[in-house]
Amino acid sequence: MTDFTGWVDNQKINKNEFSCDSDIRLELPFPEDERMFAIWANHDCQDYTLYLTLLIAEDEQRNLVGYNGAELSRKGCVQADTWSSGMLACEFELPASGDNFGILFKGGVAGVFYTQDWI
């Protein structure tokens, strides 16, 4: 997990000179091991918090290795069966001027859905 923490910390958000922006990417943090994939996210706003909700299917729940750089919001993780049976919606809070966020999965790249809100 230490290598993953270093990878998360070393990622950079693409800069936009005119407004606040977020960057949310599906990545292979260890190119030599295509069985591991990650979601990386951050934003460059100094006045707003980004709430990132990841919709995670049952298979991906079992393949979750860990995450760092942000905490679950007060909502935490809830069942999201309205999307599909066995879905979990986990909301993470990325504070203004906060750290990079990364969540690591094993088992190869899978479809990932997310929503975002600014507060």
N, C-alpha and C. Protein backbone atom coordinates (compact mmCIF):
# COMPACT_ATOMS: atom_id res chain seq x y z
N MET A 1 0.83 -1.19 0.00
CA MET A 1 0.00 0.00 0.00
C MET A 1 0.87 1.25 0.00
N THR A 2 2.10 1.16 0.48
CA THR A 2 3.00 2.32 0.51
C THR A 2 3.28 2.82 -0.90
N ASP A 3 3.50 1.91 -1.86
CA ASP A 3 3.73 2.33 -3.24
C ASP A 3 2.52 3.07 -3.80
N PHE A 4 1.33 2.59 -3.46
CA PHE A 4 0.11 3.25 -3.93
C PHE A 4 -0.02 4.64 -3.33
N THR A 5 0.26 4.78 -2.05
CA THR A 5 0.20 6.09 -1.39
C THR A 5 1.15 7.07 -2.08
N GLY A 6 2.35 6.63 -2.42
CA GLY A 6 3.30 7.48 -3.14
C GLY A 6 2.80 7.86 -4.51
N TRP A 7 2.18 6.90 -5.21
CA TRP A 7 1.63 7.19 -6.54
C TRP A 7 0.54 8.25 -6.44
N VAL A 8 -0.39 8.09 -5.47
CA VAL A 8 -1.48 9.05 -5.29
C VAL A 8 -0.93 10.45 -5.04
N ASP A 9 0.04 10.55 -4.14
CA ASP A 9 0.62 11.84 -3.79
C ASP A 9 1.32 12.53 -4.96
N ASN A 10 1.89 11.76 -5.87
CA ASN A 10 2.67 12.33 -6.98
C ASN A 10 1.84 12.77 -8.18
N GLN A 11 0.54 12.46 -8.21
CA GLN A 11 -0.31 12.86 -9.32
C GLN A 11 -0.60 14.36 -9.23
N LYS A 12 -0.82 15.00 -10.36
CA LYS A 12 -1.09 16.44 -10.43
C LYS A 12 -2.40 16.68 -11.16
N ILE A 13 -3.13 17.69 -10.71
CA ILE A 13 -4.36 18.08 -11.38
C ILE A 13 -4.00 18.96 -12.57
N ASN A 14 -4.73 18.80 -13.65
CA ASN A 14 -4.53 19.66 -14.81
C ASN A 14 -5.06 21.05 -14.47
N LYS A 15 -4.26 22.07 -14.66
CA LYS A 15 -4.60 23.43 -14.25
C LYS A 15 -5.48 24.13 -15.28
N ASN A 16 -6.42 24.92 -14.76
CA ASN A 16 -7.29 25.75 -15.58
C ASN A 16 -7.13 27.18 -15.05
N GLU A 17 -6.76 28.11 -15.90
CA GLU A 17 -6.47 29.47 -15.45
C GLU A 17 -7.71 30.29 -15.16
N PHE A 18 -8.89 29.86 -15.62
CA PHE A 18 -10.06 30.70 -15.55
C PHE A 18 -11.08 30.33 -14.48
N SER A 19 -11.03 29.11 -13.96
CA SER A 19 -12.02 28.71 -12.97
C SER A 19 -11.52 27.52 -12.16
N CYS A 20 -12.24 27.21 -11.11
CA CYS A 20 -11.95 26.00 -10.34
C CYS A 20 -12.27 24.80 -11.21
N ASP A 21 -11.56 23.74 -11.00
CA ASP A 21 -11.79 22.56 -11.80
C ASP A 21 -11.49 21.32 -10.96
N SER A 22 -12.03 20.20 -11.41
CA SER A 22 -11.71 18.92 -10.77
C SER A 22 -11.13 18.00 -11.84
N ASP A 23 -10.42 17.01 -11.38
CA ASP A 23 -9.84 16.01 -12.26
C ASP A 23 -10.10 14.66 -11.62
N ILE A 24 -10.84 13.81 -12.33
CA ILE A 24 -11.18 12.47 -11.84
C ILE A 24 -10.79 11.50 -12.93
N ARG A 25 -9.88 10.58 -12.62
CA ARG A 25 -9.33 9.70 -13.65
C ARG A 25 -9.32 8.24 -13.21
N LEU A 26 -9.54 7.37 -14.17
CA LEU A 26 -9.31 5.94 -13.99
C LEU A 26 -7.90 5.68 -14.48
N GLU A 27 -7.07 5.08 -13.63
CA GLU A 27 -5.64 4.92 -13.92
C GLU A 27 -5.15 3.51 -13.61
N LEU A 28 -4.03 3.17 -14.19
CA LEU A 28 -3.27 1.96 -13.83
C LEU A 28 -2.03 2.46 -13.08
N PRO A 29 -2.07 2.50 -11.75
CA PRO A 29 -0.96 3.08 -10.99
C PRO A 29 0.33 2.25 -11.08
N PHE A 30 0.20 0.98 -11.36
CA PHE A 30 1.35 0.08 -11.50
C PHE A 30 1.28 -0.54 -12.89
N PRO A 31 1.85 0.13 -13.91
CA PRO A 31 1.71 -0.35 -15.30
C PRO A 31 2.15 -1.80 -15.50
N GLU A 32 3.03 -2.27 -14.67
CA GLU A 32 3.51 -3.66 -14.80
C GLU A 32 2.47 -4.67 -14.30
N ASP A 33 1.44 -4.22 -13.60
CA ASP A 33 0.41 -5.11 -13.06
C ASP A 33 -0.96 -4.58 -13.47
N GLU A 34 -1.47 -5.04 -14.61
CA GLU A 34 -2.74 -4.56 -15.13
C GLU A 34 -3.93 -5.08 -14.35
N ARG A 35 -3.69 -5.90 -13.34
CA ARG A 35 -4.78 -6.39 -12.50
C ARG A 35 -5.15 -5.38 -11.41
N MET A 36 -4.37 -4.31 -11.27
CA MET A 36 -4.65 -3.27 -10.27
C MET A 36 -5.08 -2.01 -11.00
N PHE A 37 -6.19 -1.40 -10.59
CA PHE A 37 -6.58 -0.12 -11.16
C PHE A 37 -7.02 0.81 -10.04
N ALA A 38 -6.98 2.09 -10.33
CA ALA A 38 -7.28 3.09 -9.32
C ALA A 38 -8.14 4.20 -9.90
N ILE A 39 -8.83 4.86 -9.02
CA ILE A 39 -9.51 6.11 -9.35
C ILE A 39 -8.73 7.18 -8.60
N TRP A 40 -8.30 8.20 -9.33
CA TRP A 40 -7.58 9.32 -8.73
C TRP A 40 -8.44 10.56 -8.91
N ALA A 41 -8.47 11.43 -7.87
CA ALA A 41 -9.26 12.65 -7.97
C ALA A 41 -8.67 13.75 -7.10
N ASN A 42 -8.88 14.98 -7.54
CA ASN A 42 -8.60 16.17 -6.75
C ASN A 42 -9.23 17.36 -7.46
N HIS A 43 -9.15 18.51 -6.82
CA HIS A 43 -9.66 19.74 -7.42
C HIS A 43 -8.76 20.88 -6.97
N ASP A 44 -8.89 22.01 -7.65
CA ASP A 44 -8.02 23.14 -7.35
C ASP A 44 -8.76 24.33 -6.73
N CYS A 45 -9.93 24.08 -6.17
CA CYS A 45 -10.71 25.15 -5.55
C CYS A 45 -10.24 25.40 -4.11
N GLN A 46 -10.10 26.65 -3.79
CA GLN A 46 -9.69 27.03 -2.43
C GLN A 46 -10.88 27.36 -1.54
N ASP A 47 -12.08 27.47 -2.13
CA ASP A 47 -13.25 27.89 -1.36
C ASP A 47 -14.34 26.84 -1.27
N TYR A 48 -14.24 25.76 -2.01
CA TYR A 48 -15.32 24.78 -2.06
C TYR A 48 -14.79 23.38 -1.78
N THR A 49 -15.68 22.53 -1.27
CA THR A 49 -15.39 21.12 -1.04
C THR A 49 -16.07 20.32 -2.15
N LEU A 50 -15.37 19.34 -2.67
CA LEU A 50 -15.92 18.45 -3.69
C LEU A 50 -16.38 17.17 -3.01
N TYR A 51 -17.64 16.80 -3.24
CA TYR A 51 -18.18 15.54 -2.74
C TYR A 51 -18.26 14.59 -3.93
N LEU A 52 -17.45 13.55 -3.88
CA LEU A 52 -17.35 12.57 -4.96
C LEU A 52 -18.04 11.29 -4.52
N THR A 53 -19.08 10.90 -5.25
CA THR A 53 -19.81 9.67 -4.94
C THR A 53 -19.44 8.62 -5.98
N LEU A 54 -18.85 7.53 -5.51
CA LEU A 54 -18.49 6.42 -6.39
C LEU A 54 -19.56 5.34 -6.27
N LEU A 55 -20.05 4.90 -7.41
CA LEU A 55 -21.02 3.80 -7.44
C LEU A 55 -20.24 2.53 -7.71
N ILE A 56 -20.23 1.66 -6.72
CA ILE A 56 -19.36 0.49 -6.76
C ILE A 56 -20.23 -0.77 -6.80
N ALA A 57 -20.03 -1.60 -7.82
CA ALA A 57 -20.77 -2.85 -7.96
C ALA A 57 -20.24 -3.87 -6.95
N GLU A 58 -21.07 -4.87 -6.70
CA GLU A 58 -20.74 -5.90 -5.72
C GLU A 58 -19.37 -6.53 -5.97
N ASP A 59 -19.04 -6.83 -7.23
CA ASP A 59 -17.75 -7.44 -7.56
C ASP A 59 -16.60 -6.52 -7.16
N GLU A 60 -16.74 -5.23 -7.45
CA GLU A 60 -15.68 -4.28 -7.12
C GLU A 60 -15.56 -4.09 -5.61
N GLN A 61 -16.68 -4.22 -4.87
CA GLN A 61 -16.62 -4.11 -3.42
C GLN A 61 -15.65 -5.15 -2.85
N ARG A 62 -15.72 -6.35 -3.39
CA ARG A 62 -14.84 -7.43 -2.91
C ARG A 62 -13.39 -7.18 -3.32
N ASN A 63 -13.18 -6.41 -4.40
CA ASN A 63 -11.84 -6.16 -4.91
C ASN A 63 -11.21 -4.87 -4.40
N LEU A 64 -11.90 -4.16 -3.52
CA LEU A 64 -11.37 -2.91 -2.96
C LEU A 64 -10.16 -3.22 -2.08
N VAL A 65 -9.03 -2.59 -2.40
CA VAL A 65 -7.80 -2.78 -1.62
C VAL A 65 -7.71 -1.71 -0.53
N GLY A 66 -8.00 -0.46 -0.87
CA GLY A 66 -7.95 0.62 0.11
C GLY A 66 -8.00 1.97 -0.59
N TYR A 67 -8.02 3.01 0.22
CA TYR A 67 -8.04 4.37 -0.31
C TYR A 67 -7.29 5.28 0.63
N ASN A 68 -6.83 6.43 0.10
CA ASN A 68 -6.19 7.43 0.94
C ASN A 68 -6.32 8.81 0.32
N GLY A 69 -6.15 9.83 1.15
CA GLY A 69 -6.19 11.21 0.70
C GLY A 69 -7.50 11.92 0.94
N ALA A 70 -8.55 11.18 1.29
CA ALA A 70 -9.85 11.77 1.61
C ALA A 70 -10.59 10.79 2.51
N GLU A 71 -11.58 11.31 3.18
CA GLU A 71 -12.39 10.48 4.07
C GLU A 71 -13.80 10.36 3.53
N LEU A 72 -14.50 9.34 3.98
CA LEU A 72 -15.91 9.24 3.66
C LEU A 72 -16.64 10.42 4.28
N SER A 73 -17.64 10.94 3.60
CA SER A 73 -18.44 12.02 4.16
C SER A 73 -19.36 11.45 5.25
N ARG A 74 -20.18 12.32 5.83
CA ARG A 74 -21.13 11.86 6.84
C ARG A 74 -22.12 10.86 6.25
N LYS A 75 -22.39 10.94 4.95
CA LYS A 75 -23.29 9.97 4.32
C LYS A 75 -22.66 8.59 4.27
N GLY A 76 -21.34 8.52 4.13
CA GLY A 76 -20.65 7.24 4.07
C GLY A 76 -21.04 6.44 2.84
N CYS A 77 -21.23 5.14 3.04
CA CYS A 77 -21.62 4.23 1.96
C CYS A 77 -23.04 3.73 2.22
N VAL A 78 -23.86 3.73 1.19
CA VAL A 78 -25.24 3.26 1.30
C VAL A 78 -25.56 2.37 0.11
N GLN A 79 -26.52 1.48 0.29
CA GLN A 79 -26.98 0.64 -0.81
C GLN A 79 -27.61 1.53 -1.87
N ALA A 80 -27.32 1.24 -3.12
CA ALA A 80 -27.85 2.02 -4.25
C ALA A 80 -28.50 1.08 -5.25
N ASP A 81 -29.39 0.25 -4.76
CA ASP A 81 -30.04 -0.75 -5.61
C ASP A 81 -30.92 -0.14 -6.69
N THR A 82 -31.24 1.16 -6.57
CA THR A 82 -32.02 1.79 -7.64
C THR A 82 -31.21 1.87 -8.93
N TRP A 83 -29.89 1.91 -8.82
CA TRP A 83 -29.01 1.89 -10.00
C TRP A 83 -28.97 0.49 -10.58
N SER A 84 -28.74 -0.48 -9.68
CA SER A 84 -28.63 -1.88 -10.06
C SER A 84 -28.53 -2.69 -8.78
N SER A 85 -28.97 -3.90 -8.81
CA SER A 85 -28.91 -4.75 -7.62
C SER A 85 -27.46 -4.93 -7.17
N GLY A 86 -27.22 -4.75 -5.89
CA GLY A 86 -25.89 -4.95 -5.34
C GLY A 86 -24.96 -3.76 -5.46
N MET A 87 -25.48 -2.60 -5.83
CA MET A 87 -24.63 -1.40 -5.96
C MET A 87 -24.50 -0.70 -4.61
N LEU A 88 -23.33 -0.14 -4.39
CA LEU A 88 -23.03 0.64 -3.20
C LEU A 88 -22.60 2.03 -3.65
N ALA A 89 -23.14 3.06 -3.01
CA ALA A 89 -22.75 4.44 -3.30
C ALA A 89 -21.96 4.96 -2.11
N CYS A 90 -20.69 5.29 -2.34
CA CYS A 90 -19.81 5.79 -1.28
C CYS A 90 -19.43 7.23 -1.60
N GLU A 91 -19.74 8.13 -0.66
CA GLU A 91 -19.45 9.55 -0.86
C GLU A 91 -18.20 9.94 -0.10
N PHE A 92 -17.23 10.51 -0.82
CA PHE A 92 -15.97 10.96 -0.23
C PHE A 92 -15.92 12.48 -0.25
N GLU A 93 -15.35 13.05 0.78
CA GLU A 93 -15.25 14.50 0.93
C GLU A 93 -13.83 14.94 0.61
N LEU A 94 -13.67 15.70 -0.47
CA LEU A 94 -12.37 16.25 -0.87
C LEU A 94 -12.40 17.73 -0.53
N PRO A 95 -11.82 18.11 0.61
CA PRO A 95 -11.94 19.49 1.08
C PRO A 95 -11.18 20.49 0.20
N ALA A 96 -11.55 21.75 0.34
CA ALA A 96 -10.85 22.83 -0.36
C ALA A 96 -9.37 22.74 -0.03
N SER A 97 -8.53 22.88 -1.05
CA SER A 97 -7.07 22.81 -0.91
C SER A 97 -6.63 21.52 -0.23
N GLY A 98 -7.35 20.43 -0.47
CA GLY A 98 -7.05 19.15 0.17
C GLY A 98 -6.03 18.33 -0.58
N ASP A 99 -5.78 17.14 -0.06
CA ASP A 99 -4.82 16.21 -0.64
C ASP A 99 -5.41 15.48 -1.84
N ASN A 100 -4.54 14.86 -2.62
CA ASN A 100 -4.97 13.98 -3.69
C ASN A 100 -5.72 12.80 -3.09
N PHE A 101 -6.70 12.28 -3.81
CA PHE A 101 -7.48 11.13 -3.37
C PHE A 101 -7.25 9.99 -4.34
N GLY A 102 -7.08 8.80 -3.81
CA GLY A 102 -6.96 7.61 -4.64
C GLY A 102 -7.64 6.43 -3.98
N ILE A 103 -8.28 5.60 -4.79
CA ILE A 103 -8.90 4.37 -4.30
C ILE A 103 -8.44 3.24 -5.22
N LEU A 104 -7.94 2.17 -4.63
CA LEU A 104 -7.28 1.09 -5.37
C LEU A 104 -8.13 -0.18 -5.37
N PHE A 105 -8.21 -0.80 -6.55
CA PHE A 105 -8.94 -2.05 -6.72
C PHE A 105 -8.03 -3.08 -7.38
N LYS A 106 -8.24 -4.35 -7.06
CA LYS A 106 -7.56 -5.44 -7.75
C LYS A 106 -8.57 -6.11 -8.68
N GLY A 107 -8.09 -6.98 -9.55
CA GLY A 107 -8.99 -7.76 -10.39
C GLY A 107 -9.20 -7.23 -11.79
N GLY A 108 -8.41 -6.26 -12.21
CA GLY A 108 -8.56 -5.73 -13.56
C GLY A 108 -9.53 -4.57 -13.62
N VAL A 109 -9.43 -3.80 -14.68
CA VAL A 109 -10.24 -2.59 -14.84
C VAL A 109 -11.71 -2.97 -14.98
N ALA A 110 -12.55 -2.23 -14.28
CA ALA A 110 -14.00 -2.45 -14.33
C ALA A 110 -14.69 -1.12 -14.60
N GLY A 111 -15.94 -1.18 -14.99
CA GLY A 111 -16.71 0.04 -15.20
C GLY A 111 -16.91 0.79 -13.89
N VAL A 112 -16.74 2.08 -13.94
CA VAL A 112 -16.87 2.90 -12.74
C VAL A 112 -17.80 4.06 -13.08
N PHE A 113 -18.73 4.33 -12.18
CA PHE A 113 -19.63 5.46 -12.32
C PHE A 113 -19.43 6.37 -11.12
N TYR A 114 -19.57 7.67 -11.34
CA TYR A 114 -19.44 8.60 -10.23
C TYR A 114 -20.30 9.83 -10.47
N THR A 115 -20.60 10.51 -9.38
CA THR A 115 -21.24 11.82 -9.44
C THR A 115 -20.42 12.75 -8.57
N GLN A 116 -20.59 14.06 -8.79
CA GLN A 116 -19.87 15.01 -7.97
C GLN A 116 -20.77 16.19 -7.64
N ASP A 117 -20.57 16.74 -6.45
CA ASP A 117 -21.29 17.93 -5.99
C ASP A 117 -20.28 18.87 -5.34
N TRP A 118 -20.52 20.16 -5.46
CA TRP A 118 -19.67 21.18 -4.84
C TRP A 118 -20.45 21.85 -3.71
N ILE A 119 -19.79 22.02 -2.59
CA ILE A 119 -20.40 22.76 -1.47
C ILE A 119 -19.36 23.68 -0.87
